[in-house]
Structure formats: C-alpha cells, structure tokens
C-alpha cells in the first residue's frame, strides 16, 4: 500500500531540511517572514469584510465579498502552515543547540577515572 502524499512530503522535509542546521535556520526565517506578511492585516481585513457582508447582505456577497472571505480563510490557513513550519524548525534548532552529548564525557571515561 503506497504511503499518503502528506507522509512523503513530511519525510522529504525531515530528510532534506531538518537534517541540516543551516537550511533549517534559513527555512525558519522564510517561514517567519511568510507568517508575518500573511497575518499583518489579516484580522483587520477579515473584520472589514464581515462588516461589509453584514451591512450589505447578498449584494456584498455577489460583488466579491464571498470570494474575498474565502481568500482570507485560505490566507489564514497559509499563515497557520507557515507557523507550524516555523515552530518545527525552531524546535529542531533548539534541540540541536542544546545537545550536550558531544561535550559530556562518555560512561567509559568516567569509569576509568575512578
């Protein structure tokens, strides 16, 4: 049974991006800026769109209010995706930076000292 496409994408992201700290950092920055740009005016425009639809009803929906509302919802999901990518990269980098296994003495070294 073939793996779902999302699982292939996840494995590819882990293999290509998360195994390279420098690339993880670059993707973290890109996701951060993408999240910021998408959410910059999202709530303001969404509120204005809702007011337009509530004030003008079906006429506002027919004049493009419905399409704009759908675009705003899609933008919200894109912002959420960028946030998840950003947090995943942050988590990976934080664990990589906090990893002290290279600096801690091994058990054989500590046993030989005693």
PDB file of N, CA and C in Angstrom:
ATOM      1  N   UNK A   1       0.850  -1.182   0.000  1.00  0.00           N
ATOM      2  CA  UNK A   1       0.000   0.000   0.000  1.00  0.00           C
ATOM      3  C   UNK A   1       0.895   1.244   0.000  1.00  0.00           C
ATOM      4  N   UNK A   2       0.714   2.131  -0.951  1.00  0.00           N
ATOM      5  CA  UNK A   2       1.565   3.326  -1.023  1.00  0.00           C
ATOM      6  C   UNK A   2       1.287   4.273   0.143  1.00  0.00           C
ATOM      7  N   UNK A   3       2.327   4.989   0.512  1.00  0.00           N
ATOM      8  CA  UNK A   3       2.196   5.955   1.599  1.00  0.00           C
ATOM      9  C   UNK A   3       1.433   7.180   1.121  1.00  0.00           C
ATOM     10  N   UNK A   4       0.674   7.804   2.012  1.00  0.00           N
ATOM     11  CA  UNK A   4      -0.031   9.029   1.615  1.00  0.00           C
ATOM     12  C   UNK A   4       0.957  10.124   1.214  1.00  0.00           C
ATOM     13  N   UNK A   5       0.520  10.993   0.344  1.00  0.00           N
ATOM     14  CA  UNK A   5       1.372  12.069  -0.172  1.00  0.00           C
ATOM     15  C   UNK A   5       1.895  12.968   0.949  1.00  0.00           C
ATOM     16  N   UNK A   6       1.062  13.244   1.948  1.00  0.00           N
ATOM     17  CA  UNK A   6       1.486  14.102   3.063  1.00  0.00           C
ATOM     18  C   UNK A   6       2.634  13.464   3.835  1.00  0.00           C
ATOM     19  N   UNK A   7       2.615  12.141   3.968  1.00  0.00           N
ATOM     20  CA  UNK A   7       3.689  11.451   4.674  1.00  0.00           C
ATOM     21  C   UNK A   7       4.985  11.513   3.873  1.00  0.00           C
ATOM     22  N   UNK A   8       4.885  11.400   2.548  1.00  0.00           N
ATOM     23  CA  UNK A   8       6.071  11.558   1.698  1.00  0.00           C
ATOM     24  C   UNK A   8       6.648  12.962   1.849  1.00  0.00           C
ATOM     25  N   UNK A   9       5.781  13.961   1.850  1.00  0.00           N
ATOM     26  CA  UNK A   9       6.226  15.340   1.997  1.00  0.00           C
ATOM     27  C   UNK A   9       6.898  15.550   3.353  1.00  0.00           C
ATOM     28  N   UNK A  10       6.312  14.979   4.406  1.00  0.00           N
ATOM     29  CA  UNK A  10       6.891  15.098   5.741  1.00  0.00           C
ATOM     30  C   UNK A  10       8.265  14.453   5.803  1.00  0.00           C
ATOM     31  N   UNK A  11       8.397  13.268   5.263  1.00  0.00           N
ATOM     32  CA  UNK A  11       9.692  12.578   5.275  1.00  0.00           C
ATOM     33  C   UNK A  11      10.732  13.331   4.462  1.00  0.00           C
ATOM     34  N   UNK A  12      10.303  13.873   3.339  1.00  0.00           N
ATOM     35  CA  UNK A  12      11.222  14.655   2.499  1.00  0.00           C
ATOM     36  C   UNK A  12      11.683  15.900   3.249  1.00  0.00           C
ATOM     37  N   UNK A  13      10.757  16.597   3.913  1.00  0.00           N
ATOM     38  CA  UNK A  13      11.096  17.785   4.692  1.00  0.00           C
ATOM     39  C   UNK A  13      12.073  17.433   5.812  1.00  0.00           C
ATOM     40  N   UNK A  14      11.827  16.331   6.492  1.00  0.00           N
ATOM     41  CA  UNK A  14      12.729  15.907   7.568  1.00  0.00           C
ATOM     42  C   UNK A  14      14.112  15.563   7.025  1.00  0.00           C
ATOM     43  N   UNK A  15      14.141  14.843   5.925  1.00  0.00           N
ATOM     44  CA  UNK A  15      15.410  14.388   5.365  1.00  0.00           C
ATOM     45  C   UNK A  15      16.223  15.540   4.765  1.00  0.00           C
ATOM     46  N   UNK A  16      15.558  16.440   4.069  1.00  0.00           N
ATOM     47  CA  UNK A  16      16.271  17.498   3.364  1.00  0.00           C
ATOM     48  C   UNK A  16      16.526  18.705   4.258  1.00  0.00           C
ATOM     49  N   UNK A  17      15.535  19.163   4.989  1.00  0.00           N
ATOM     50  CA  UNK A  17      15.659  20.420   5.735  1.00  0.00           C
ATOM     51  C   UNK A  17      16.144  20.195   7.160  1.00  0.00           C
ATOM     52  N   UNK A  18      15.458  19.346   7.905  1.00  0.00           N
ATOM     53  CA  UNK A  18      15.724  19.237   9.339  1.00  0.00           C
ATOM     54  C   UNK A  18      17.044  18.556   9.681  1.00  0.00           C
ATOM     55  N   UNK A  19      17.672  17.918   8.722  1.00  0.00           N
ATOM     56  CA  UNK A  19      18.976  17.289   8.998  1.00  0.00           C
ATOM     57  C   UNK A  19      20.136  18.247   8.784  1.00  0.00           C
ATOM     58  N   UNK A  20      19.856  19.430   8.267  1.00  0.00           N
ATOM     59  CA  UNK A  20      20.898  20.433   8.016  1.00  0.00           C
ATOM     60  C   UNK A  20      20.570  21.687   8.823  1.00  0.00           C
ATOM     61  N   UNK A  21      21.321  21.951   9.891  1.00  0.00           N
ATOM     62  CA  UNK A  21      21.005  23.115  10.739  1.00  0.00           C
ATOM     63  C   UNK A  21      20.985  24.448   9.984  1.00  0.00           C
ATOM     64  N   UNK A  22      21.884  24.641   9.039  1.00  0.00           N
ATOM     65  CA  UNK A  22      21.908  25.906   8.310  1.00  0.00           C
ATOM     66  C   UNK A  22      20.656  26.071   7.455  1.00  0.00           C
ATOM     67  N   UNK A  23      20.202  24.978   6.814  1.00  0.00           N
ATOM     68  CA  UNK A  23      18.999  25.043   5.991  1.00  0.00           C
ATOM     69  C   UNK A  23      17.758  25.178   6.871  1.00  0.00           C
ATOM     70  N   UNK A  24      17.771  24.531   8.019  1.00  0.00           N
ATOM     71  CA  UNK A  24      16.671  24.669   8.967  1.00  0.00           C
ATOM     72  C   UNK A  24      16.538  26.127   9.394  1.00  0.00           C
ATOM     73  N   UNK A  25      17.672  26.789   9.629  1.00  0.00           N
ATOM     74  CA  UNK A  25      17.663  28.198  10.010  1.00  0.00           C
ATOM     75  C   UNK A  25      17.117  29.073   8.886  1.00  0.00           C
ATOM     76  N   UNK A  26      17.503  28.794   7.655  1.00  0.00           N
ATOM     77  CA  UNK A  26      17.002  29.563   6.503  1.00  0.00           C
ATOM     78  C   UNK A  26      15.493  29.373   6.355  1.00  0.00           C
ATOM     79  N   UNK A  27      15.027  28.132   6.450  1.00  0.00           N
ATOM     80  CA  UNK A  27      13.594  27.851   6.330  1.00  0.00           C
ATOM     81  C   UNK A  27      12.833  28.490   7.500  1.00  0.00           C
ATOM     82  N   UNK A  28      13.415  28.480   8.687  1.00  0.00           N
ATOM     83  CA  UNK A  28      12.815  29.147   9.840  1.00  0.00           C
ATOM     84  C   UNK A  28      12.597  30.626   9.537  1.00  0.00           C
ATOM     85  N   UNK A  29      13.613  31.282   9.006  1.00  0.00           N
ATOM     86  CA  UNK A  29      13.480  32.701   8.664  1.00  0.00           C
ATOM     87  C   UNK A  29      12.438  32.953   7.595  1.00  0.00           C
ATOM     88  N   UNK A  30      12.408  32.124   6.567  1.00  0.00           N
ATOM     89  CA  UNK A  30      11.420  32.286   5.498  1.00  0.00           C
ATOM     90  C   UNK A  30       9.999  32.081   6.028  1.00  0.00           C
ATOM     91  N   UNK A  31       9.826  31.065   6.869  1.00  0.00           N
ATOM     92  CA  UNK A  31       8.509  30.803   7.447  1.00  0.00           C
ATOM     93  C   UNK A  31       8.083  31.944   8.367  1.00  0.00           C
ATOM     94  N   UNK A  32       9.035  32.495   9.103  1.00  0.00           N
ATOM     95  CA  UNK A  32       8.742  33.623   9.986  1.00  0.00           C
ATOM     96  C   UNK A  32       8.247  34.826   9.183  1.00  0.00           C
ATOM     97  N   UNK A  33       8.957  35.160   8.096  1.00  0.00           N
ATOM     98  CA  UNK A  33       8.549  36.297   7.277  1.00  0.00           C
ATOM     99  C   UNK A  33       7.227  36.032   6.554  1.00  0.00           C
ATOM    100  N   UNK A  34       7.029  34.805   6.102  1.00  0.00           N
ATOM    101  CA  UNK A  34       5.768  34.450   5.443  1.00  0.00           C
ATOM    102  C   UNK A  34       4.610  34.590   6.428  1.00  0.00           C
ATOM    103  N   UNK A  35       4.789  34.070   7.637  1.00  0.00           N
ATOM    104  CA  UNK A  35       3.759  34.181   8.672  1.00  0.00           C
ATOM    105  C   UNK A  35       3.462  35.650   8.964  1.00  0.00           C
ATOM    106  N   UNK A  36       4.503  36.448   9.096  1.00  0.00           N
ATOM    107  CA  UNK A  36       4.311  37.867   9.385  1.00  0.00           C
ATOM    108  C   UNK A  36       3.582  38.599   8.277  1.00  0.00           C
ATOM    109  N   UNK A  37       3.958  38.340   7.034  1.00  0.00           N
ATOM    110  CA  UNK A  37       3.334  39.029   5.906  1.00  0.00           C
ATOM    111  C   UNK A  37       1.870  38.637   5.739  1.00  0.00           C
ATOM    112  N   UNK A  38       1.580  37.368   5.916  1.00  0.00           N
ATOM    113  CA  UNK A  38       0.202  36.915   5.722  1.00  0.00           C
ATOM    114  C   UNK A  38      -0.697  37.437   6.835  1.00  0.00           C
ATOM    115  N   UNK A  39      -0.199  37.454   8.062  1.00  0.00           N
ATOM    116  CA  UNK A  39      -1.051  37.850   9.185  1.00  0.00           C
ATOM    117  C   UNK A  39      -1.046  39.345   9.450  1.00  0.00           C
ATOM    118  N   UNK A  40      -0.234  40.100   8.737  1.00  0.00           N
ATOM    119  CA  UNK A  40      -0.087  41.521   9.009  1.00  0.00           C
ATOM    120  C   UNK A  40      -1.440  42.233   9.083  1.00  0.00           C
ATOM    121  N   UNK A  41      -2.235  42.108   8.077  1.00  0.00           N
ATOM    122  CA  UNK A  41      -3.541  42.783   8.056  1.00  0.00           C
ATOM    123  C   UNK A  41      -4.707  41.802   8.012  1.00  0.00           C
ATOM    124  N   UNK A  42      -4.442  40.544   8.268  1.00  0.00           N
ATOM    125  CA  UNK A  42      -5.476  39.528   8.096  1.00  0.00           C
ATOM    126  C   UNK A  42      -6.709  39.810   8.952  1.00  0.00           C
ATOM    127  N   UNK A  43      -6.526  40.054  10.226  1.00  0.00           N
ATOM    128  CA  UNK A  43      -7.678  40.281  11.100  1.00  0.00           C
ATOM    129  C   UNK A  43      -8.399  41.580  10.751  1.00  0.00           C
ATOM    130  N   UNK A  44      -7.649  42.612  10.394  1.00  0.00           N
ATOM    131  CA  UNK A  44      -8.259  43.892  10.025  1.00  0.00           C
ATOM    132  C   UNK A  44      -9.122  43.728   8.769  1.00  0.00           C
ATOM    133  N   UNK A  45      -8.591  43.091   7.753  1.00  0.00           N
ATOM    134  CA  UNK A  45      -9.335  42.906   6.500  1.00  0.00           C
ATOM    135  C   UNK A  45     -10.497  41.941   6.704  1.00  0.00           C
ATOM    136  N   UNK A  46     -10.306  40.917   7.516  1.00  0.00           N
ATOM    137  CA  UNK A  46     -11.399  39.975   7.795  1.00  0.00           C
ATOM    138  C   UNK A  46     -12.552  40.687   8.505  1.00  0.00           C
ATOM    139  N   UNK A  47     -12.237  41.546   9.454  1.00  0.00           N
ATOM    140  CA  UNK A  47     -13.280  42.309  10.156  1.00  0.00           C
ATOM    141  C   UNK A  47     -14.004  43.241   9.184  1.00  0.00           C
ATOM    142  N   UNK A  48     -13.265  43.922   8.318  1.00  0.00           N
ATOM    143  CA  UNK A  48     -13.881  44.814   7.339  1.00  0.00           C
ATOM    144  C   UNK A  48     -14.774  44.039   6.372  1.00  0.00           C
ATOM    145  N   UNK A  49     -14.334  42.848   5.967  1.00  0.00           N
ATOM    146  CA  UNK A  49     -15.126  42.016   5.068  1.00  0.00           C
ATOM    147  C   UNK A  49     -16.417  41.576   5.753  1.00  0.00           C
ATOM    148  N   UNK A  50     -16.321  41.172   7.013  1.00  0.00           N
ATOM    149  CA  UNK A  50     -17.518  40.746   7.749  1.00  0.00           C
ATOM    150  C   UNK A  50     -18.499  41.907   7.913  1.00  0.00           C
ATOM    151  N   UNK A  51     -17.989  43.099   8.197  1.00  0.00           N
ATOM    152  CA  UNK A  51     -18.863  44.274   8.313  1.00  0.00           C
ATOM    153  C   UNK A  51     -19.547  44.577   6.989  1.00  0.00           C
ATOM    154  N   UNK A  52     -18.808  44.471   5.889  1.00  0.00           N
ATOM    155  CA  UNK A  52     -19.381  44.708   4.563  1.00  0.00           C
ATOM    156  C   UNK A  52     -20.513  43.726   4.285  1.00  0.00           C
ATOM    157  N   UNK A  53     -20.275  42.460   4.580  1.00  0.00           N
ATOM    158  CA  UNK A  53     -21.295  41.440   4.312  1.00  0.00           C
ATOM    159  C   UNK A  53     -22.494  41.637   5.225  1.00  0.00           C
ATOM    160  N   UNK A  54     -22.259  41.965   6.495  1.00  0.00           N
ATOM    161  CA  UNK A  54     -23.374  42.175   7.422  1.00  0.00           C
ATOM    162  C   UNK A  54     -24.182  43.416   7.055  1.00  0.00           C
ATOM    163  N   UNK A  55     -23.522  44.463   6.574  1.00  0.00           N
ATOM    164  CA  UNK A  55     -24.223  45.696   6.219  1.00  0.00           C
ATOM    165  C   UNK A  55     -24.980  45.580   4.900  1.00  0.00           C
ATOM    166  N   UNK A  56     -24.416  44.876   3.924  1.00  0.00           N
ATOM    167  CA  UNK A  56     -24.998  44.863   2.579  1.00  0.00           C
ATOM    168  C   UNK A  56     -25.556  43.519   2.141  1.00  0.00           C
ATOM    169  N   UNK A  57     -25.388  42.493   2.948  1.00  0.00           N
ATOM    170  CA  UNK A  57     -26.006  41.196   2.693  1.00  0.00           C
ATOM    171  C   UNK A  57     -25.576  40.540   1.398  1.00  0.00           C
ATOM    172  N   UNK A  58     -26.586  40.043   0.662  1.00  0.00           N
ATOM    173  CA  UNK A  58     -26.344  39.261  -0.555  1.00  0.00           C
ATOM    174  C   UNK A  58     -25.671  40.085  -1.644  1.00  0.00           C
ATOM    175  N   UNK A  59     -25.942  41.385  -1.655  1.00  0.00           N
ATOM    176  CA  UNK A  59     -25.324  42.229  -2.679  1.00  0.00           C
ATOM    177  C   UNK A  59     -23.805  42.262  -2.502  1.00  0.00           C
ATOM    178  N   UNK A  60     -23.344  42.356  -1.257  1.00  0.00           N
ATOM    179  CA  UNK A  60     -21.902  42.362  -0.980  1.00  0.00           C
ATOM    180  C   UNK A  60     -21.285  41.008  -1.337  1.00  0.00           C
ATOM    181  N   UNK A  61     -22.009  39.931  -1.055  1.00  0.00           N
ATOM    182  CA  UNK A  61     -21.510  38.592  -1.415  1.00  0.00           C
ATOM    183  C   UNK A  61     -21.378  38.449  -2.924  1.00  0.00           C
ATOM    184  N   UNK A  62     -22.363  38.948  -3.654  1.00  0.00           N
ATOM    185  CA  UNK A  62     -22.338  38.852  -5.114  1.00  0.00           C
ATOM    186  C   UNK A  62     -21.261  39.747  -5.723  1.00  0.00           C
ATOM    187  N   UNK A  63     -20.966  40.854  -5.082  1.00  0.00           N
ATOM    188  CA  UNK A  63     -19.970  41.800  -5.609  1.00  0.00           C
ATOM    189  C   UNK A  63     -18.535  41.403  -5.278  1.00  0.00           C
ATOM    190  N   UNK A  64     -18.324  40.267  -4.688  1.00  0.00           N
ATOM    191  CA  UNK A  64     -16.969  39.803  -4.428  1.00  0.00           C
ATOM    192  C   UNK A  64     -16.658  39.593  -2.962  1.00  0.00           C
ATOM    193  N   UNK A  65     -17.588  39.867  -2.094  1.00  0.00           N
ATOM    194  CA  UNK A  65     -17.369  39.676  -0.667  1.00  0.00           C
ATOM    195  C   UNK A  65     -17.162  38.214  -0.308  1.00  0.00           C
ATOM    196  N   UNK A  66     -17.894  37.327  -0.978  1.00  0.00           N
ATOM    197  CA  UNK A  66     -17.750  35.890  -0.705  1.00  0.00           C
ATOM    198  C   UNK A  66     -16.382  35.393  -1.147  1.00  0.00           C
ATOM    199  N   UNK A  67     -15.957  35.836  -2.332  1.00  0.00           N
ATOM    200  CA  UNK A  67     -14.639  35.419  -2.818  1.00  0.00           C
ATOM    201  C   UNK A  67     -13.532  35.943  -1.903  1.00  0.00           C
ATOM    202  N   UNK A  68     -13.656  37.191  -1.471  1.00  0.00           N
ATOM    203  CA  UNK A  68     -12.654  37.756  -0.576  1.00  0.00           C
ATOM    204  C   UNK A  68     -12.644  37.016   0.757  1.00  0.00           C
ATOM    205  N   UNK A  69     -13.813  36.640   1.253  1.00  0.00           N
ATOM    206  CA  UNK A  69     -13.884  35.886   2.508  1.00  0.00           C
ATOM    207  C   UNK A  69     -13.179  34.535   2.370  1.00  0.00           C
ATOM    208  N   UNK A  70     -13.390  33.864   1.255  1.00  0.00           N
ATOM    209  CA  UNK A  70     -12.721  32.573   1.017  1.00  0.00           C
ATOM    210  C   UNK A  70     -11.205  32.784   0.925  1.00  0.00           C
ATOM    211  N   UNK A  71     -10.773  33.833   0.230  1.00  0.00           N
ATOM    212  CA  UNK A  71      -9.340  34.127   0.135  1.00  0.00           C
ATOM    213  C   UNK A  71      -8.735  34.423   1.510  1.00  0.00           C
ATOM    214  N   UNK A  72      -9.481  35.110   2.362  1.00  0.00           N
ATOM    215  CA  UNK A  72      -8.992  35.408   3.704  1.00  0.00           C
ATOM    216  C   UNK A  72      -8.856  34.150   4.554  1.00  0.00           C
ATOM    217  N   UNK A  73      -9.800  33.232   4.399  1.00  0.00           N
ATOM    218  CA  UNK A  73      -9.717  31.965   5.127  1.00  0.00           C
ATOM    219  C   UNK A  73      -8.511  31.160   4.636  1.00  0.00           C
ATOM    220  N   UNK A  74      -8.289  31.126   3.325  1.00  0.00           N
ATOM    221  CA  UNK A  74      -7.121  30.439   2.772  1.00  0.00           C
ATOM    222  C   UNK A  74      -5.830  31.094   3.277  1.00  0.00           C
ATOM    223  N   UNK A  75      -5.805  32.426   3.314  1.00  0.00           N
ATOM    224  CA  UNK A  75      -4.643  33.132   3.861  1.00  0.00           C
ATOM    225  C   UNK A  75      -4.407  32.755   5.317  1.00  0.00           C
ATOM    226  N   UNK A  76      -5.473  32.605   6.073  1.00  0.00           N
ATOM    227  CA  UNK A  76      -5.350  32.181   7.469  1.00  0.00           C
ATOM    228  C   UNK A  76      -4.715  30.807   7.590  1.00  0.00           C
ATOM    229  N   UNK A  77      -5.130  29.888   6.731  1.00  0.00           N
ATOM    230  CA  UNK A  77      -4.534  28.550   6.751  1.00  0.00           C
ATOM    231  C   UNK A  77      -3.080  28.566   6.281  1.00  0.00           C
ATOM    232  N   UNK A  78      -2.757  29.428   5.319  1.00  0.00           N
ATOM    233  CA  UNK A  78      -1.355  29.565   4.902  1.00  0.00           C
ATOM    234  C   UNK A  78      -0.502  30.116   6.045  1.00  0.00           C
ATOM    235  N   UNK A  79      -1.050  31.068   6.780  1.00  0.00           N
ATOM    236  CA  UNK A  79      -0.336  31.606   7.940  1.00  0.00           C
ATOM    237  C   UNK A  79      -0.125  30.520   8.986  1.00  0.00           C
ATOM    238  N   UNK A  80      -1.140  29.691   9.190  1.00  0.00           N
ATOM    239  CA  UNK A  80      -1.022  28.605  10.161  1.00  0.00           C
ATOM    240  C   UNK A  80       0.029  27.593   9.705  1.00  0.00           C
ATOM    241  N   UNK A  81       0.073  27.282   8.421  1.00  0.00           N
ATOM    242  CA  UNK A  81       1.080  26.363   7.893  1.00  0.00           C
ATOM    243  C   UNK A  81       2.479  26.946   8.077  1.00  0.00           C
ATOM    244  N   UNK A  82       2.637  28.231   7.780  1.00  0.00           N
ATOM    245  CA  UNK A  82       3.935  28.883   7.975  1.00  0.00           C
ATOM    246  C   UNK A  82       4.333  28.854   9.447  1.00  0.00           C
ATOM    247  N   UNK A  83       3.370  29.030  10.334  1.00  0.00           N
ATOM    248  CA  UNK A  83       3.646  28.993  11.773  1.00  0.00           C
ATOM    249  C   UNK A  83       4.108  27.602  12.204  1.00  0.00           C
ATOM    250  N   UNK A  84       3.455  26.573  11.696  1.00  0.00           N
ATOM    251  CA  UNK A  84       3.837  25.197  12.046  1.00  0.00           C
ATOM    252  C   UNK A  84       5.239  24.888  11.539  1.00  0.00           C
ATOM    253  N   UNK A  85       5.555  25.297  10.310  1.00  0.00           N
ATOM    254  CA  UNK A  85       6.900  25.089   9.770  1.00  0.00           C
ATOM    255  C   UNK A  85       7.918  25.845  10.618  1.00  0.00           C
ATOM    256  N   UNK A  86       7.582  27.088  10.979  1.00  0.00           N
ATOM    257  CA  UNK A  86       8.481  27.893  11.805  1.00  0.00           C
ATOM    258  C   UNK A  86       8.729  27.229  13.157  1.00  0.00           C
ATOM    259  N   UNK A  87       7.688  26.753  13.811  1.00  0.00           N
ATOM    260  CA  UNK A  87       7.840  26.126  15.123  1.00  0.00           C
ATOM    261  C   UNK A  87       8.594  24.796  15.019  1.00  0.00           C
ATOM    262  N   UNK A  88       8.398  24.058  13.936  1.00  0.00           N
ATOM    263  CA  UNK A  88       9.131  22.804  13.738  1.00  0.00           C
ATOM    264  C   UNK A  88      10.621  23.078  13.590  1.00  0.00           C
ATOM    265  N   UNK A  89      10.950  24.074  12.791  1.00  0.00           N
ATOM    266  CA  UNK A  89      12.365  24.440  12.621  1.00  0.00           C
ATOM    267  C   UNK A  89      12.949  24.958  13.931  1.00  0.00           C
ATOM    268  N   UNK A  90      12.178  25.751  14.657  1.00  0.00           N
ATOM    269  CA  UNK A  90      12.648  26.263  15.941  1.00  0.00           C
ATOM    270  C   UNK A  90      12.918  25.113  16.915  1.00  0.00           C
ATOM    271  N   UNK A  91      12.007  24.168  16.963  1.00  0.00           N
ATOM    272  CA  UNK A  91      12.159  23.010  17.852  1.00  0.00           C
ATOM    273  C   UNK A  91      13.425  22.220  17.489  1.00  0.00           C
ATOM    274  N   UNK A  92      13.617  21.975  16.211  1.00  0.00           N
ATOM    275  CA  UNK A  92      14.788  21.221  15.763  1.00  0.00           C
ATOM    276  C   UNK A  92      16.076  21.961  16.096  1.00  0.00           C
ATOM    277  N   UNK A  93      16.114  23.257  15.814  1.00  0.00           N
ATOM    278  CA  UNK A  93      17.321  24.038  16.109  1.00  0.00           C
ATOM    279  C   UNK A  93      17.571  24.141  17.610  1.00  0.00           C
ATOM    280  N   UNK A  94      16.529  24.295  18.394  1.00  0.00           N
ATOM    281  CA  UNK A  94      16.698  24.383  19.844  1.00  0.00           C
ATOM    282  C   UNK A  94      17.297  23.101  20.402  1.00  0.00           C
ATOM    283  N   UNK A  95      16.795  21.971  19.941  1.00  0.00           N
ATOM    284  CA  UNK A  95      17.345  20.691  20.409  1.00  0.00           C
ATOM    285  C   UNK A  95      18.768  20.479  19.909  1.00  0.00           C
ATOM    286  N   UNK A  96      19.047  20.922  18.697  1.00  0.00           N
ATOM    287  CA  UNK A  96      20.405  20.796  18.162  1.00  0.00           C
ATOM    288  C   UNK A  96      21.372  21.658  18.964  1.00  0.00           C
ATOM    289  N   UNK A  97      20.975  22.896  19.272  1.00  0.00           N
ATOM    290  CA  UNK A  97      21.843  23.788  20.036  1.00  0.00           C
ATOM    291  C   UNK A  97      22.020  23.322  21.483  1.00  0.00           C
ATOM    292  N   UNK A  98      20.993  22.743  22.071  1.00  0.00           N
ATOM    293  CA  UNK A  98      21.051  22.314  23.467  1.00  0.00           C
ATOM    294  C   UNK A  98      21.673  20.932  23.637  1.00  0.00           C
ATOM    295  N   UNK A  99      21.947  20.247  22.547  1.00  0.00           N
ATOM    296  CA  UNK A  99      22.521  18.901  22.627  1.00  0.00           C
ATOM    297  C   UNK A  99      23.927  18.985  23.194  1.00  0.00           C
ATOM    298  N   UNK A 100      24.118  18.369  24.354  1.00  0.00           N
ATOM    299  CA  UNK A 100      25.427  18.385  25.010  1.00  0.00           C
ATOM    300  C   UNK A 100      26.115  17.034  24.925  1.00  0.00           C
ATOM    301  N   UNK A 101      25.605  16.146  24.096  1.00  0.00           N
ATOM    302  CA  UNK A 101      26.179  14.798  24.026  1.00  0.00           C
ATOM    303  C   UNK A 101      27.621  14.818  23.529  1.00  0.00           C
ATOM    304  N   UNK A 102      28.002  15.819  22.726  1.00  0.00           N
ATOM    305  CA  UNK A 102      29.379  15.903  22.242  1.00  0.00           C
ATOM    306  C   UNK A 102      30.336  16.382  23.329  1.00  0.00           C
ATOM    307  N   UNK A 103      29.822  17.126  24.305  1.00  0.00           N
ATOM    308  CA  UNK A 103      30.697  17.691  25.329  1.00  0.00           C
ATOM    309  C   UNK A 103      30.699  16.891  26.626  1.00  0.00           C
ATOM    310  N   UNK A 104      29.708  16.046  26.826  1.00  0.00           N
ATOM    311  CA  UNK A 104      29.652  15.236  28.045  1.00  0.00           C
ATOM    312  C   UNK A 104      30.620  14.066  27.931  1.00  0.00           C
ATOM    313  N   UNK A 105      31.314  13.712  29.002  1.00  0.00           N
ATOM    314  CA  UNK A 105      32.204  12.547  28.937  1.00  0.00           C
ATOM    315  C   UNK A 105      31.385  11.269  28.815  1.00  0.00           C
ATOM    316  N   UNK A 106      31.926  10.323  28.117  1.00  0.00           N
ATOM    317  CA  UNK A 106      31.225   9.051  27.973  1.00  0.00           C
ATOM    318  C   UNK A 106      31.310   8.272  29.270  1.00  0.00           C
ATOM    319  N   UNK A 107      30.507   7.231  29.387  1.00  0.00           N
ATOM    320  CA  UNK A 107      30.486   6.435  30.628  1.00  0.00           C
ATOM    321  C   UNK A 107      31.816   5.726  30.841  1.00  0.00           C
ATOM    322  N   UNK A 108      32.478   5.309  29.776  1.00  0.00           N
ATOM    323  CA  UNK A 108      33.759   4.619  29.926  1.00  0.00           C
ATOM    324  C   UNK A 108      34.835   5.566  30.432  1.00  0.00           C
ATOM    325  N   UNK A 109      34.756   6.843  30.022  1.00  0.00           N
ATOM    326  CA  UNK A 109      35.727   7.816  30.502  1.00  0.00           C
ATOM    327  C   UNK A 109      35.543   8.100  31.984  1.00  0.00           C
ATOM    328  N   UNK A 110      34.304   8.184  32.437  1.00  0.00           N
ATOM    329  CA  UNK A 110      34.063   8.459  33.845  1.00  0.00           C
ATOM    330  C   UNK A 110      34.409   7.247  34.714  1.00  0.00           C
ATOM    331  N   UNK A 111      34.199   6.044  34.206  1.00  0.00           N
ATOM    332  CA  UNK A 111      34.523   4.834  34.969  1.00  0.00           C
ATOM    333  C   UNK A 111      36.051   4.662  35.074  1.00  0.00           C
ATOM    334  N   UNK A 112      36.797   5.034  34.033  1.00  0.00           N
ATOM    335  CA  UNK A 112      38.234   4.888  34.070  1.00  0.00           C
ATOM    336  C   UNK A 112      38.908   5.886  35.026  1.00  0.00           C
ATOM    337  N   UNK A 113      38.231   6.998  35.297  1.00  0.00           N
ATOM    338  CA  UNK A 113      38.772   7.981  36.217  1.00  0.00           C
ATOM    339  C   UNK A 113      38.679   7.506  37.651  1.00  0.00           C
ATOM    340  N   UNK A 114      37.726   6.634  37.987  1.00  0.00           N
ATOM    341  CA  UNK A 114      37.541   6.178  39.366  1.00  0.00           C
ATOM    342  C   UNK A 114      38.374   5.014  39.690  1.00  0.00           C
TER     343      UNK A 114
END
